[in-house]
Amino acid sequence: MYCRGIKTREKIVSEFDLKPIAHVKLLNNKIIKSDTGNLLTDSYYCFAYKTKNAEEEYKTFFCGSHAADHFLELINAKRLPLFDPIRRIH
């Protein structure tokens, strides 16, 4: 889902139900392409979305922290904890 720009994100939130799914730290030297085509090199958010009041299944999209922060503000959701796959668990 293309989500570049304030007005675009506002339109998305008005048309779709969004759920933040994950905030993921990328492994060193790994890159993921956001749905806007930007290359994300540090971390990314994954959101699930579906048309409001529709019976369809959720789909997902990836975005960087700038767009994610705006989406979270628009849907009144808290930031998710960062999942770091190489962090040691004690």
PDB file of N, CA and C in Angstrom:
ATOM      1  N   MET A   1       0.846  -1.164   0.000  1.00  0.00           N
ATOM      2  CA  MET A   1       0.000   0.000   0.000  1.00  0.00           C
ATOM      3  C   MET A   1       0.896   1.233   0.000  1.00  0.00           C
ATOM      4  N   TYR A   2       0.692   2.091  -0.942  1.00  0.00           N
ATOM      5  CA  TYR A   2       1.488   3.303  -1.041  1.00  0.00           C
ATOM      6  C   TYR A   2       1.024   4.288   0.030  1.00  0.00           C
ATOM      7  N   CYS A   3       1.922   4.701   0.932  1.00  0.00           N
ATOM      8  CA  CYS A   3       1.513   5.536   2.063  1.00  0.00           C
ATOM      9  C   CYS A   3       2.372   6.778   2.239  1.00  0.00           C
ATOM     10  N   ARG A   4       2.939   7.273   1.169  1.00  0.00           N
ATOM     11  CA  ARG A   4       3.782   8.469   1.284  1.00  0.00           C
ATOM     12  C   ARG A   4       2.914   9.723   1.360  1.00  0.00           C
ATOM     13  N   GLY A   5       3.180  10.560   2.334  1.00  0.00           N
ATOM     14  CA  GLY A   5       2.503  11.842   2.467  1.00  0.00           C
ATOM     15  C   GLY A   5       1.396  11.837   3.509  1.00  0.00           C
ATOM     16  N   ILE A   6       1.255  12.963   4.156  1.00  0.00           N
ATOM     17  CA  ILE A   6       0.276  13.112   5.235  1.00  0.00           C
ATOM     18  C   ILE A   6      -1.135  12.854   4.740  1.00  0.00           C
ATOM     19  N   LYS A   7      -1.529  13.493   3.651  1.00  0.00           N
ATOM     20  CA  LYS A   7      -2.897  13.339   3.125  1.00  0.00           C
ATOM     21  C   LYS A   7      -3.162  11.905   2.694  1.00  0.00           C
ATOM     22  N   THR A   8      -2.169  11.250   2.123  1.00  0.00           N
ATOM     23  CA  THR A   8      -2.333   9.853   1.706  1.00  0.00           C
ATOM     24  C   THR A   8      -2.601   8.969   2.913  1.00  0.00           C
ATOM     25  N   ARG A   9      -1.829   9.155   3.991  1.00  0.00           N
ATOM     26  CA  ARG A   9      -2.038   8.338   5.192  1.00  0.00           C
ATOM     27  C   ARG A   9      -3.392   8.635   5.834  1.00  0.00           C
ATOM     28  N   GLU A  10      -3.796   9.892   5.840  1.00  0.00           N
ATOM     29  CA  GLU A  10      -5.113  10.231   6.375  1.00  0.00           C
ATOM     30  C   GLU A  10      -6.225   9.557   5.568  1.00  0.00           C
ATOM     31  N   LYS A  11      -6.090   9.523   4.253  1.00  0.00           N
ATOM     32  CA  LYS A  11      -7.081   8.870   3.391  1.00  0.00           C
ATOM     33  C   LYS A  11      -7.107   7.365   3.660  1.00  0.00           C
ATOM     34  N   ILE A  12      -5.941   6.753   3.822  1.00  0.00           N
ATOM     35  CA  ILE A  12      -5.862   5.320   4.120  1.00  0.00           C
ATOM     36  C   ILE A  12      -6.612   5.009   5.410  1.00  0.00           C
ATOM     37  N   VAL A  13      -6.379   5.804   6.448  1.00  0.00           N
ATOM     38  CA  VAL A  13      -7.027   5.561   7.743  1.00  0.00           C
ATOM     39  C   VAL A  13      -8.545   5.765   7.649  1.00  0.00           C
ATOM     40  N   SER A  14      -8.979   6.659   6.780  1.00  0.00           N
ATOM     41  CA  SER A  14     -10.423   6.870   6.635  1.00  0.00           C
ATOM     42  C   SER A  14     -11.100   5.719   5.887  1.00  0.00           C
ATOM     43  N   GLU A  15     -10.347   4.990   5.068  1.00  0.00           N
ATOM     44  CA  GLU A  15     -10.917   3.919   4.248  1.00  0.00           C
ATOM     45  C   GLU A  15     -10.656   2.512   4.773  1.00  0.00           C
ATOM     46  N   PHE A  16      -9.620   2.354   5.595  1.00  0.00           N
ATOM     47  CA  PHE A  16      -9.211   1.016   6.022  1.00  0.00           C
ATOM     48  C   PHE A  16      -9.091   0.915   7.541  1.00  0.00           C
ATOM     49  N   ASP A  17      -9.348  -0.273   8.062  1.00  0.00           N
ATOM     50  CA  ASP A  17      -9.014  -0.601   9.441  1.00  0.00           C
ATOM     51  C   ASP A  17      -7.546  -1.006   9.448  1.00  0.00           C
ATOM     52  N   LEU A  18      -6.755  -0.368  10.294  1.00  0.00           N
ATOM     53  CA  LEU A  18      -5.326  -0.681  10.403  1.00  0.00           C
ATOM     54  C   LEU A  18      -5.023  -1.262  11.764  1.00  0.00           C
ATOM     55  N   LYS A  19      -4.131  -2.240  11.785  1.00  0.00           N
ATOM     56  CA  LYS A  19      -3.650  -2.813  13.040  1.00  0.00           C
ATOM     57  C   LYS A  19      -2.137  -2.922  12.957  1.00  0.00           C
ATOM     58  N   PRO A  20      -1.423  -2.326  13.908  1.00  0.00           N
ATOM     59  CA  PRO A  20       0.025  -2.521  13.919  1.00  0.00           C
ATOM     60  C   PRO A  20       0.326  -3.967  14.328  1.00  0.00           C
ATOM     61  N   ILE A  21       1.171  -4.627  13.571  1.00  0.00           N
ATOM     62  CA  ILE A  21       1.481  -6.036  13.802  1.00  0.00           C
ATOM     63  C   ILE A  21       2.866  -6.220  14.435  1.00  0.00           C
ATOM     64  N   ALA A  22       3.855  -5.505  13.898  1.00  0.00           N
ATOM     65  CA  ALA A  22       5.221  -5.705  14.389  1.00  0.00           C
ATOM     66  C   ALA A  22       6.080  -4.487  14.116  1.00  0.00           C
ATOM     67  N   HIS A  23       7.055  -4.276  14.994  1.00  0.00           N
ATOM     68  CA  HIS A  23       8.105  -3.277  14.811  1.00  0.00           C
ATOM     69  C   HIS A  23       9.401  -4.072  14.889  1.00  0.00           C
ATOM     70  N   VAL A  24      10.077  -4.211  13.773  1.00  0.00           N
ATOM     71  CA  VAL A  24      11.179  -5.162  13.653  1.00  0.00           C
ATOM     72  C   VAL A  24      12.499  -4.462  13.341  1.00  0.00           C
ATOM     73  N   LYS A  25      13.520  -4.827  14.082  1.00  0.00           N
ATOM     74  CA  LYS A  25      14.887  -4.368  13.829  1.00  0.00           C
ATOM     75  C   LYS A  25      15.489  -5.262  12.751  1.00  0.00           C
ATOM     76  N   LEU A  26      16.060  -4.644  11.743  1.00  0.00           N
ATOM     77  CA  LEU A  26      16.712  -5.424  10.687  1.00  0.00           C
ATOM     78  C   LEU A  26      18.092  -5.890  11.148  1.00  0.00           C
ATOM     79  N   LEU A  27      18.477  -7.043  10.694  1.00  0.00           N
ATOM     80  CA  LEU A  27      19.824  -7.531  10.967  1.00  0.00           C
ATOM     81  C   LEU A  27      20.826  -6.636  10.253  1.00  0.00           C
ATOM     82  N   ASN A  28      22.050  -6.604  10.739  1.00  0.00           N
ATOM     83  CA  ASN A  28      23.090  -5.781  10.127  1.00  0.00           C
ATOM     84  C   ASN A  28      23.202  -6.067   8.634  1.00  0.00           C
ATOM     85  N   ASN A  29      23.311  -4.993   7.867  1.00  0.00           N
ATOM     86  CA  ASN A  29      23.484  -5.051   6.416  1.00  0.00           C
ATOM     87  C   ASN A  29      22.279  -5.609   5.660  1.00  0.00           C
ATOM     88  N   LYS A  30      21.139  -5.720   6.305  1.00  0.00           N
ATOM     89  CA  LYS A  30      19.921  -6.176   5.630  1.00  0.00           C
ATOM     90  C   LYS A  30      19.078  -4.965   5.263  1.00  0.00           C
ATOM     91  N   ILE A  31      18.373  -5.076   4.168  1.00  0.00           N
ATOM     92  CA  ILE A  31      17.535  -3.990   3.665  1.00  0.00           C
ATOM     93  C   ILE A  31      16.193  -4.573   3.266  1.00  0.00           C
ATOM     94  N   ILE A  32      15.134  -3.836   3.550  1.00  0.00           N
ATOM     95  CA  ILE A  32      13.801  -4.226   3.097  1.00  0.00           C
ATOM     96  C   ILE A  32      13.217  -3.015   2.371  1.00  0.00           C
ATOM     97  N   LYS A  33      12.446  -3.275   1.335  1.00  0.00           N
ATOM     98  CA  LYS A  33      11.821  -2.198   0.581  1.00  0.00           C
ATOM     99  C   LYS A  33      10.422  -1.951   1.132  1.00  0.00           C
ATOM    100  N   SER A  34      10.150  -0.693   1.484  1.00  0.00           N
ATOM    101  CA  SER A  34       8.817  -0.343   1.966  1.00  0.00           C
ATOM    102  C   SER A  34       7.855  -0.347   0.786  1.00  0.00           C
ATOM    103  N   ASP A  35       6.585  -0.231   1.080  1.00  0.00           N
ATOM    104  CA  ASP A  35       5.593  -0.219   0.013  1.00  0.00           C
ATOM    105  C   ASP A  35       5.620   1.073  -0.804  1.00  0.00           C
ATOM    106  N   THR A  36       6.373   2.076  -0.344  1.00  0.00           N
ATOM    107  CA  THR A  36       6.555   3.291  -1.137  1.00  0.00           C
ATOM    108  C   THR A  36       7.773   3.179  -2.039  1.00  0.00           C
ATOM    109  N   GLY A  37       8.532   2.103  -1.867  1.00  0.00           N
ATOM    110  CA  GLY A  37       9.749   1.921  -2.649  1.00  0.00           C
ATOM    111  C   GLY A  37      11.003   2.365  -1.920  1.00  0.00           C
ATOM    112  N   ASN A  38      10.845   3.016  -0.760  1.00  0.00           N
ATOM    113  CA  ASN A  38      12.014   3.422   0.020  1.00  0.00           C
ATOM    114  C   ASN A  38      12.727   2.197   0.567  1.00  0.00           C
ATOM    115  N   LEU A  39      14.037   2.296   0.679  1.00  0.00           N
ATOM    116  CA  LEU A  39      14.820   1.224   1.273  1.00  0.00           C
ATOM    117  C   LEU A  39      14.946   1.483   2.770  1.00  0.00           C
ATOM    118  N   LEU A  40      14.531   0.516   3.563  1.00  0.00           N
ATOM    119  CA  LEU A  40      14.597   0.615   5.020  1.00  0.00           C
ATOM    120  C   LEU A  40      15.807  -0.178   5.482  1.00  0.00           C
ATOM    121  N   THR A  41      16.684   0.473   6.244  1.00  0.00           N
ATOM    122  CA  THR A  41      17.952  -0.153   6.611  1.00  0.00           C
ATOM    123  C   THR A  41      18.118  -0.396   8.109  1.00  0.00           C
ATOM    124  N   ASP A  42      17.219   0.142   8.936  1.00  0.00           N
ATOM    125  CA  ASP A  42      17.365   0.005  10.383  1.00  0.00           C
ATOM    126  C   ASP A  42      16.236  -0.833  10.988  1.00  0.00           C
ATOM    127  N   SER A  43      15.000  -0.376  10.780  1.00  0.00           N
ATOM    128  CA  SER A  43      13.847  -1.088  11.313  1.00  0.00           C
ATOM    129  C   SER A  43      12.642  -0.771  10.433  1.00  0.00           C
ATOM    130  N   TYR A  44      11.561  -1.487  10.663  1.00  0.00           N
ATOM    131  CA  TYR A  44      10.342  -1.234   9.903  1.00  0.00           C
ATOM    132  C   TYR A  44       9.127  -1.653  10.722  1.00  0.00           C
ATOM    133  N   TYR A  45       7.986  -1.158  10.334  1.00  0.00           N
ATOM    134  CA  TYR A  45       6.703  -1.547  10.914  1.00  0.00           C
ATOM    135  C   TYR A  45       5.948  -2.377   9.890  1.00  0.00           C
ATOM    136  N   CYS A  46       5.209  -3.329  10.398  1.00  0.00           N
ATOM    137  CA  CYS A  46       4.274  -4.086   9.580  1.00  0.00           C
ATOM    138  C   CYS A  46       2.872  -3.776  10.103  1.00  0.00           C
ATOM    139  N   PHE A  47       1.982  -3.396   9.210  1.00  0.00           N
ATOM    140  CA  PHE A  47       0.582  -3.130   9.540  1.00  0.00           C
ATOM    141  C   PHE A  47      -0.310  -4.096   8.772  1.00  0.00           C
ATOM    142  N   ALA A  48      -1.392  -4.508   9.398  1.00  0.00           N
ATOM    143  CA  ALA A  48      -2.446  -5.252   8.714  1.00  0.00           C
ATOM    144  C   ALA A  48      -3.550  -4.253   8.380  1.00  0.00           C
ATOM    145  N   TYR A  49      -4.199  -4.470   7.241  1.00  0.00           N
ATOM    146  CA  TYR A  49      -5.276  -3.569   6.854  1.00  0.00           C
ATOM    147  C   TYR A  49      -6.367  -4.312   6.094  1.00  0.00           C
ATOM    148  N   LYS A  50      -7.570  -3.797   6.189  1.00  0.00           N
ATOM    149  CA  LYS A  50      -8.693  -4.266   5.389  1.00  0.00           C
ATOM    150  C   LYS A  50      -9.674  -3.120   5.257  1.00  0.00           C
ATOM    151  N   THR A  51     -10.495  -3.169   4.237  1.00  0.00           N
ATOM    152  CA  THR A  51     -11.503  -2.142   4.032  1.00  0.00           C
ATOM    153  C   THR A  51     -12.440  -2.110   5.232  1.00  0.00           C
ATOM    154  N   LYS A  52     -12.770  -0.912   5.694  1.00  0.00           N
ATOM    155  CA  LYS A  52     -13.661  -0.779   6.858  1.00  0.00           C
ATOM    156  C   LYS A  52     -14.971  -1.527   6.612  1.00  0.00           C
ATOM    157  N   ASN A  53     -15.427  -2.228   7.630  1.00  0.00           N
ATOM    158  CA  ASN A  53     -16.694  -2.972   7.618  1.00  0.00           C
ATOM    159  C   ASN A  53     -16.782  -4.042   6.539  1.00  0.00           C
ATOM    160  N   ALA A  54     -15.665  -4.498   6.033  1.00  0.00           N
ATOM    161  CA  ALA A  54     -15.670  -5.539   5.011  1.00  0.00           C
ATOM    162  C   ALA A  54     -15.374  -6.890   5.641  1.00  0.00           C
ATOM    163  N   GLU A  55     -15.805  -7.920   4.988  1.00  0.00           N
ATOM    164  CA  GLU A  55     -15.568  -9.287   5.456  1.00  0.00           C
ATOM    165  C   GLU A  55     -14.256  -9.850   4.919  1.00  0.00           C
ATOM    166  N   GLU A  56     -13.540  -9.085   4.126  1.00  0.00           N
ATOM    167  CA  GLU A  56     -12.302  -9.563   3.513  1.00  0.00           C
ATOM    168  C   GLU A  56     -11.239  -9.869   4.573  1.00  0.00           C
ATOM    169  N   GLU A  57     -10.253 -10.641   4.171  1.00  0.00           N
ATOM    170  CA  GLU A  57      -9.137 -10.942   5.062  1.00  0.00           C
ATOM    171  C   GLU A  57      -8.184  -9.755   5.100  1.00  0.00           C
ATOM    172  N   TYR A  58      -7.453  -9.657   6.203  1.00  0.00           N
ATOM    173  CA  TYR A  58      -6.448  -8.609   6.310  1.00  0.00           C
ATOM    174  C   TYR A  58      -5.294  -8.881   5.365  1.00  0.00           C
ATOM    175  N   LYS A  59      -4.732  -7.815   4.812  1.00  0.00           N
ATOM    176  CA  LYS A  59      -3.498  -7.848   4.033  1.00  0.00           C
ATOM    177  C   LYS A  59      -2.467  -7.077   4.857  1.00  0.00           C
ATOM    178  N   THR A  60      -1.217  -7.080   4.432  1.00  0.00           N
ATOM    179  CA  THR A  60      -0.190  -6.377   5.195  1.00  0.00           C
ATOM    180  C   THR A  60       0.631  -5.449   4.308  1.00  0.00           C
ATOM    181  N   PHE A  61       1.266  -4.471   4.958  1.00  0.00           N
ATOM    182  CA  PHE A  61       2.224  -3.612   4.264  1.00  0.00           C
ATOM    183  C   PHE A  61       3.323  -3.221   5.246  1.00  0.00           C
ATOM    184  N   PHE A  62       4.464  -2.821   4.700  1.00  0.00           N
ATOM    185  CA  PHE A  62       5.621  -2.404   5.471  1.00  0.00           C
ATOM    186  C   PHE A  62       5.859  -0.918   5.272  1.00  0.00           C
ATOM    187  N   CYS A  63       6.291  -0.256   6.339  1.00  0.00           N
ATOM    188  CA  CYS A  63       6.659   1.150   6.215  1.00  0.00           C
ATOM    189  C   CYS A  63       7.741   1.493   7.231  1.00  0.00           C
ATOM    190  N   GLY A  64       8.379   2.617   7.008  1.00  0.00           N
ATOM    191  CA  GLY A  64       9.401   3.092   7.923  1.00  0.00           C
ATOM    192  C   GLY A  64       8.791   3.762   9.144  1.00  0.00           C
ATOM    193  N   SER A  65       9.639   4.162  10.062  1.00  0.00           N
ATOM    194  CA  SER A  65       9.165   4.693  11.336  1.00  0.00           C
ATOM    195  C   SER A  65       8.438   6.018  11.196  1.00  0.00           C
ATOM    196  N   HIS A  66       8.821   6.856  10.234  1.00  0.00           N
ATOM    197  CA  HIS A  66       8.145   8.141  10.063  1.00  0.00           C
ATOM    198  C   HIS A  66       6.667   7.932   9.718  1.00  0.00           C
ATOM    199  N   ALA A  67       6.403   7.133   8.710  1.00  0.00           N
ATOM    200  CA  ALA A  67       5.010   6.847   8.328  1.00  0.00           C
ATOM    201  C   ALA A  67       4.303   6.077   9.439  1.00  0.00           C
ATOM    202  N   ALA A  68       5.003   5.127  10.055  1.00  0.00           N
ATOM    203  CA  ALA A  68       4.387   4.334  11.129  1.00  0.00           C
ATOM    204  C   ALA A  68       3.959   5.218  12.293  1.00  0.00           C
ATOM    205  N   ASP A  69       4.812   6.148  12.692  1.00  0.00           N
ATOM    206  CA  ASP A  69       4.454   7.047  13.792  1.00  0.00           C
ATOM    207  C   ASP A  69       3.187   7.836  13.461  1.00  0.00           C
ATOM    208  N   HIS A  70       3.073   8.272  12.218  1.00  0.00           N
ATOM    209  CA  HIS A  70       1.883   9.020  11.819  1.00  0.00           C
ATOM    210  C   HIS A  70       0.646   8.116  11.829  1.00  0.00           C
ATOM    211  N   PHE A  71       0.762   6.899  11.293  1.00  0.00           N
ATOM    212  CA  PHE A  71      -0.356   5.961  11.341  1.00  0.00           C
ATOM    213  C   PHE A  71      -0.788   5.695  12.780  1.00  0.00           C
ATOM    214  N   LEU A  72       0.177   5.468  13.659  1.00  0.00           N
ATOM    215  CA  LEU A  72      -0.145   5.186  15.066  1.00  0.00           C
ATOM    216  C   LEU A  72      -0.883   6.365  15.696  1.00  0.00           C
ATOM    217  N   GLU A  73      -0.463   7.565  15.368  1.00  0.00           N
ATOM    218  CA  GLU A  73      -1.150   8.755  15.864  1.00  0.00           C
ATOM    219  C   GLU A  73      -2.584   8.805  15.327  1.00  0.00           C
ATOM    220  N   LEU A  74      -2.742   8.555  14.037  1.00  0.00           N
ATOM    221  CA  LEU A  74      -4.064   8.636  13.408  1.00  0.00           C
ATOM    222  C   LEU A  74      -5.047   7.599  13.943  1.00  0.00           C
ATOM    223  N   ILE A  75      -4.540   6.411  14.299  1.00  0.00           N
ATOM    224  CA  ILE A  75      -5.438   5.363  14.800  1.00  0.00           C
ATOM    225  C   ILE A  75      -5.426   5.296  16.335  1.00  0.00           C
ATOM    226  N   ASN A  76      -4.726   6.241  16.942  1.00  0.00           N
ATOM    227  CA  ASN A  76      -4.654   6.329  18.406  1.00  0.00           C
ATOM    228  C   ASN A  76      -4.124   5.029  19.026  1.00  0.00           C
ATOM    229  N   ALA A  77      -3.003   4.577  18.503  1.00  0.00           N
ATOM    230  CA  ALA A  77      -2.364   3.351  19.002  1.00  0.00           C
ATOM    231  C   ALA A  77      -0.973   3.687  19.536  1.00  0.00           C
ATOM    232  N   LYS A  78      -0.513   2.874  20.458  1.00  0.00           N
ATOM    233  CA  LYS A  78       0.825   3.057  21.029  1.00  0.00           C
ATOM    234  C   LYS A  78       1.866   2.397  20.138  1.00  0.00           C
ATOM    235  N   ARG A  79       3.096   2.911  20.255  1.00  0.00           N
ATOM    236  CA  ARG A  79       4.223   2.282  19.534  1.00  0.00           C
ATOM    237  C   ARG A  79       4.404   0.867  20.054  1.00  0.00           C
ATOM    238  N   LEU A  80       4.722  -0.023  19.156  1.00  0.00           N
ATOM    239  CA  LEU A  80       5.011  -1.399  19.542  1.00  0.00           C
ATOM    240  C   LEU A  80       6.457  -1.502  19.998  1.00  0.00           C
ATOM    241  N   PRO A  81       6.754  -2.438  20.898  1.00  0.00           N
ATOM    242  CA  PRO A  81       8.155  -2.642  21.272  1.00  0.00           C
ATOM    243  C   PRO A  81       8.941  -3.149  20.062  1.00  0.00           C
ATOM    244  N   LEU A  82      10.183  -2.745  19.990  1.00  0.00           N
ATOM    245  CA  LEU A  82      11.050  -3.157  18.893  1.00  0.00           C
ATOM    246  C   LEU A  82      11.482  -4.597  19.086  1.00  0.00           C
ATOM    247  N   PHE A  83      11.213  -5.433  18.092  1.00  0.00           N
ATOM    248  CA  PHE A  83      11.698  -6.808  18.123  1.00  0.00           C
ATOM    249  C   PHE A  83      13.068  -6.821  17.468  1.00  0.00           C
ATOM    250  N   ASP A  84      14.071  -7.220  18.235  1.00  0.00           N
ATOM    251  CA  ASP A  84      15.439  -7.312  17.745  1.00  0.00           C
ATOM    252  C   ASP A  84      15.817  -8.787  17.727  1.00  0.00           C
ATOM    253  N   PRO A  85      15.913  -9.386  16.532  1.00  0.00           N
ATOM    254  CA  PRO A  85      16.148 -10.830  16.454  1.00  0.00           C
ATOM    255  C   PRO A  85      17.497 -11.301  17.000  1.00  0.00           C
ATOM    256  N   ILE A  86      18.447 -10.382  17.203  1.00  0.00           N
ATOM    257  CA  ILE A  86      19.734 -10.837  17.731  1.00  0.00           C
ATOM    258  C   ILE A  86      19.936 -10.446  19.198  1.00  0.00           C
ATOM    259  N   ARG A  87      18.918  -9.835  19.791  1.00  0.00           N
ATOM    260  CA  ARG A  87      19.014  -9.483  21.205  1.00  0.00           C
ATOM    261  C   ARG A  87      18.981 -10.760  22.044  1.00  0.00           C
ATOM    262  N   ARG A  88      19.841 -10.832  22.994  1.00  0.00           N
ATOM    263  CA  ARG A  88      19.896 -12.008  23.870  1.00  0.00           C
ATOM    264  C   ARG A  88      18.760 -11.992  24.868  1.00  0.00           C
ATOM    265  N   ILE A  89      18.178 -13.118  25.070  1.00  0.00           N
ATOM    266  CA  ILE A  89      17.124 -13.272  26.076  1.00  0.00           C
ATOM    267  C   ILE A  89      17.744 -13.989  27.261  1.00  0.00           C
ATOM    268  N   HIS A  90      17.575 -13.424  28.426  1.00  0.00           N
ATOM    269  CA  HIS A  90      18.172 -14.035  29.641  1.00  0.00           C
ATOM    270  C   HIS A  90      17.111 -14.754  30.419  1.00  0.00           C
TER     271      HIS A  90
END
